[in-house]
Amino acid sequence: MPRLDRLSQIARNNLLTFPAQVNETAPFVRLPKPLEGCRLAIVTTAGLHVRGDRPFAPGDQTYRAIPSDTPAVDIVQSHTSIGFDRVPMLRDVNISFPIDRLRELVARGEVGGLGSRSYSFMGAQREAARIESETGPEVARLLRDEGVDVALITPT
């Protein structure tokens, strides 16, 4: 169990005052078919986007679409937070956005295919009203309309 006394005062205060959302009634939905027949997309809170896209700004509750054929080297991060070490993700985006691993699973026939796009939000949100009411449901509709069966949710 992590000990808060090992953290800096700023990091400790951030954790103690972070308004974490509690989802006591989050639904569990069984896969509609075997994974080998499912289309999968990534939905991440890592603040990623395609190189050249508009970067995320602090508190940004919008999202970025990342086409599934985007080379991993062209997926960059603009997430701003003092709460994590960005270096590993800068070295290999697959740590939080495992697109290369998913492509390998598709090639081996273990996953049916990838959706046309994956979606990225910026995490570490202290206020998520717009994500809950607008941008989150919009991404859910896009995934459904794109024929995605499974969303792999990945954190920062």
Protein backbone atom coordinates (compact mmCIF):
# COMPACT_ATOMS: atom_id res chain seq x y z
CA MET A 1 0.00 0.00 0.00
CA PRO A 2 1.46 3.38 -1.00
CA ARG A 3 2.34 5.73 1.78
CA LEU A 4 1.31 9.35 1.35
CA ASP A 5 4.11 10.53 3.62
CA ARG A 6 6.61 9.52 0.91
CA LEU A 7 5.10 12.05 -1.51
CA SER A 8 5.81 15.74 -1.76
CA GLN A 9 3.31 18.01 -0.02
CA ILE A 10 1.95 19.14 -3.38
CA ALA A 11 1.42 15.57 -4.62
CA ARG A 12 -0.09 14.53 -1.27
CA ASN A 13 -2.54 17.46 -1.29
CA ASN A 14 -3.46 16.73 -4.89
CA LEU A 15 -4.36 13.13 -4.06
CA LEU A 16 -6.22 14.01 -0.88
CA THR A 17 -8.38 16.63 -2.60
CA PHE A 18 -8.88 14.94 -5.98
CA PRO A 19 -12.64 14.61 -6.64
CA ALA A 20 -12.57 11.01 -7.84
CA GLN A 21 -15.82 9.87 -9.39
CA VAL A 22 -17.49 6.80 -7.89
CA ASN A 23 -19.53 4.61 -10.24
CA GLU A 24 -21.43 2.20 -8.04
CA THR A 25 -23.85 1.18 -10.78
CA ALA A 26 -21.47 0.85 -13.74
CA PRO A 27 -22.92 -1.83 -16.01
CA PHE A 28 -21.13 -4.96 -17.08
CA VAL A 29 -21.92 -5.97 -20.62
CA ARG A 30 -20.96 -9.35 -22.00
CA LEU A 31 -19.29 -9.47 -25.40
CA PRO A 32 -21.85 -9.85 -28.17
CA LYS A 33 -19.65 -12.45 -29.87
CA PRO A 34 -16.22 -14.09 -29.40
CA LEU A 35 -13.31 -11.63 -29.29
CA GLU A 36 -12.02 -13.13 -32.54
CA GLY A 37 -15.08 -11.64 -34.23
CA CYS A 38 -15.11 -8.27 -32.47
CA ARG A 39 -13.91 -4.87 -33.64
CA LEU A 40 -11.97 -3.06 -30.95
CA ALA A 41 -11.01 0.58 -30.37
CA ILE A 42 -8.96 2.26 -27.67
CA VAL A 43 -10.43 5.01 -25.52
CA THR A 44 -7.72 6.61 -23.42
CA THR A 45 -7.29 9.40 -20.89
CA ALA A 46 -3.61 9.79 -21.79
CA GLY A 47 -4.08 13.09 -23.63
CA LEU A 48 -2.79 11.67 -26.92
CA HIS A 49 -3.34 12.98 -30.42
CA VAL A 50 -1.93 12.69 -33.91
CA ARG A 51 1.17 14.80 -34.48
CA GLY A 52 -0.04 18.12 -35.90
CA ASP A 53 -3.48 17.95 -34.24
CA ARG A 54 -4.51 20.57 -31.71
CA PRO A 55 -2.82 19.78 -28.37
CA PHE A 56 -4.86 19.35 -25.20
CA ALA A 57 -4.99 22.32 -22.84
CA PRO A 58 -5.33 22.15 -19.03
CA GLY A 59 -8.90 21.18 -18.12
CA ASP A 60 -9.73 20.37 -21.76
CA GLN A 61 -12.82 18.16 -21.89
CA THR A 62 -12.81 17.61 -25.64
CA TYR A 63 -11.42 14.53 -27.37
CA ARG A 64 -9.16 13.70 -30.28
CA ALA A 65 -9.81 10.98 -32.86
CA ILE A 66 -6.80 8.86 -33.77
CA PRO A 67 -7.18 6.90 -37.03
CA SER A 68 -6.32 3.25 -36.48
CA ASP A 69 -3.72 3.21 -39.22
CA THR A 70 -1.71 6.05 -37.63
CA PRO A 71 1.90 4.94 -37.07
CA ALA A 72 2.71 4.85 -33.34
CA VAL A 73 5.56 7.31 -33.92
CA ASP A 74 2.97 9.89 -35.05
CA ILE A 75 0.91 9.64 -31.84
CA VAL A 76 2.07 12.26 -29.34
CA GLN A 77 1.04 13.35 -25.87
CA SER A 78 0.09 16.82 -24.68
CA HIS A 79 -1.44 15.74 -21.34
CA THR A 80 -0.53 18.13 -18.56
CA SER A 81 -0.35 16.80 -15.01
CA ILE A 82 2.11 16.70 -12.16
CA GLY A 83 0.71 13.31 -11.22
CA PHE A 84 2.73 11.02 -13.47
CA ASP A 85 6.08 10.48 -15.15
CA ARG A 86 5.69 11.03 -18.91
CA VAL A 87 9.11 9.64 -19.88
CA PRO A 88 8.10 5.97 -20.37
CA MET A 89 5.17 6.95 -22.58
CA LEU A 90 7.34 9.32 -24.58
CA ARG A 91 9.66 6.39 -25.24
CA ASP A 92 6.84 4.00 -26.21
CA VAL A 93 3.26 5.17 -26.66
CA ASN A 94 2.13 1.52 -26.39
CA ILE A 95 2.45 1.81 -22.60
CA SER A 96 -0.85 3.72 -22.47
CA PHE A 97 -2.05 3.28 -26.04
CA PRO A 98 -1.22 -0.31 -27.05
CA ILE A 99 -1.99 0.13 -30.75
CA ASP A 100 0.95 -1.97 -31.96
CA ARG A 101 0.00 -4.81 -29.61
CA LEU A 102 -3.60 -4.68 -30.86
CA ARG A 103 -2.42 -4.79 -34.47
CA GLU A 104 -0.44 -7.92 -33.57
CA LEU A 105 -3.55 -9.51 -32.02
CA VAL A 106 -5.53 -8.73 -35.16
CA ALA A 107 -2.77 -10.20 -37.35
CA ARG A 108 -2.82 -13.40 -35.26
CA GLY A 109 -6.62 -13.60 -35.51
CA GLU A 110 -7.15 -13.16 -31.78
CA VAL A 111 -9.14 -9.94 -32.29
CA GLY A 112 -11.48 -9.54 -35.25
CA GLY A 113 -10.29 -6.06 -36.23
CA LEU A 114 -9.82 -2.49 -35.19
CA GLY A 115 -12.38 0.27 -35.38
CA SER A 116 -11.57 2.99 -37.86
CA ARG A 117 -10.54 5.32 -35.03
CA SER A 118 -9.61 5.35 -31.37
CA TYR A 119 -10.35 8.28 -29.09
CA SER A 120 -8.33 10.20 -26.53
CA PHE A 121 -9.34 12.46 -23.69
CA MET A 122 -7.14 14.25 -21.22
CA GLY A 123 -7.24 12.70 -17.77
CA ALA A 124 -6.62 14.26 -14.36
CA GLN A 125 -9.86 16.20 -14.68
CA ARG A 126 -11.11 17.92 -11.56
CA GLU A 127 -14.39 18.75 -13.27
CA ALA A 128 -15.79 16.33 -15.84
CA ALA A 129 -19.34 17.62 -16.44
CA ARG A 130 -18.83 18.19 -20.16
CA ILE A 131 -17.28 14.75 -20.63
CA GLU A 132 -20.19 13.14 -18.77
CA SER A 133 -22.92 15.03 -20.59
CA GLU A 134 -21.51 15.78 -24.03
CA THR A 135 -18.16 14.54 -25.28
CA GLY A 136 -18.25 11.11 -23.60
CA PRO A 137 -21.69 10.20 -25.02
CA GLU A 138 -20.62 11.61 -28.39
CA VAL A 139 -17.62 9.27 -28.50
CA ALA A 140 -19.86 6.36 -27.46
CA ARG A 141 -22.19 7.13 -30.40
CA LEU A 142 -19.23 7.40 -32.79
CA LEU A 143 -17.88 4.03 -31.64
CA ARG A 144 -21.29 2.42 -32.07
CA ASP A 145 -21.75 3.98 -35.52
CA GLU A 146 -18.27 2.76 -36.53
CA GLY A 147 -19.23 -0.81 -35.64
CA VAL A 148 -16.95 -1.10 -32.63
CA ASP A 149 -17.91 -3.98 -30.31
CA VAL A 150 -15.30 -3.45 -27.58
CA ALA A 151 -13.66 -0.34 -26.15
CA LEU A 152 -10.32 -0.90 -24.43
CA ILE A 153 -10.13 1.84 -21.79
CA THR A 154 -6.56 2.85 -20.95
CA PRO A 155 -5.31 5.40 -18.41
CA THR A 156 -2.44 7.80 -18.56
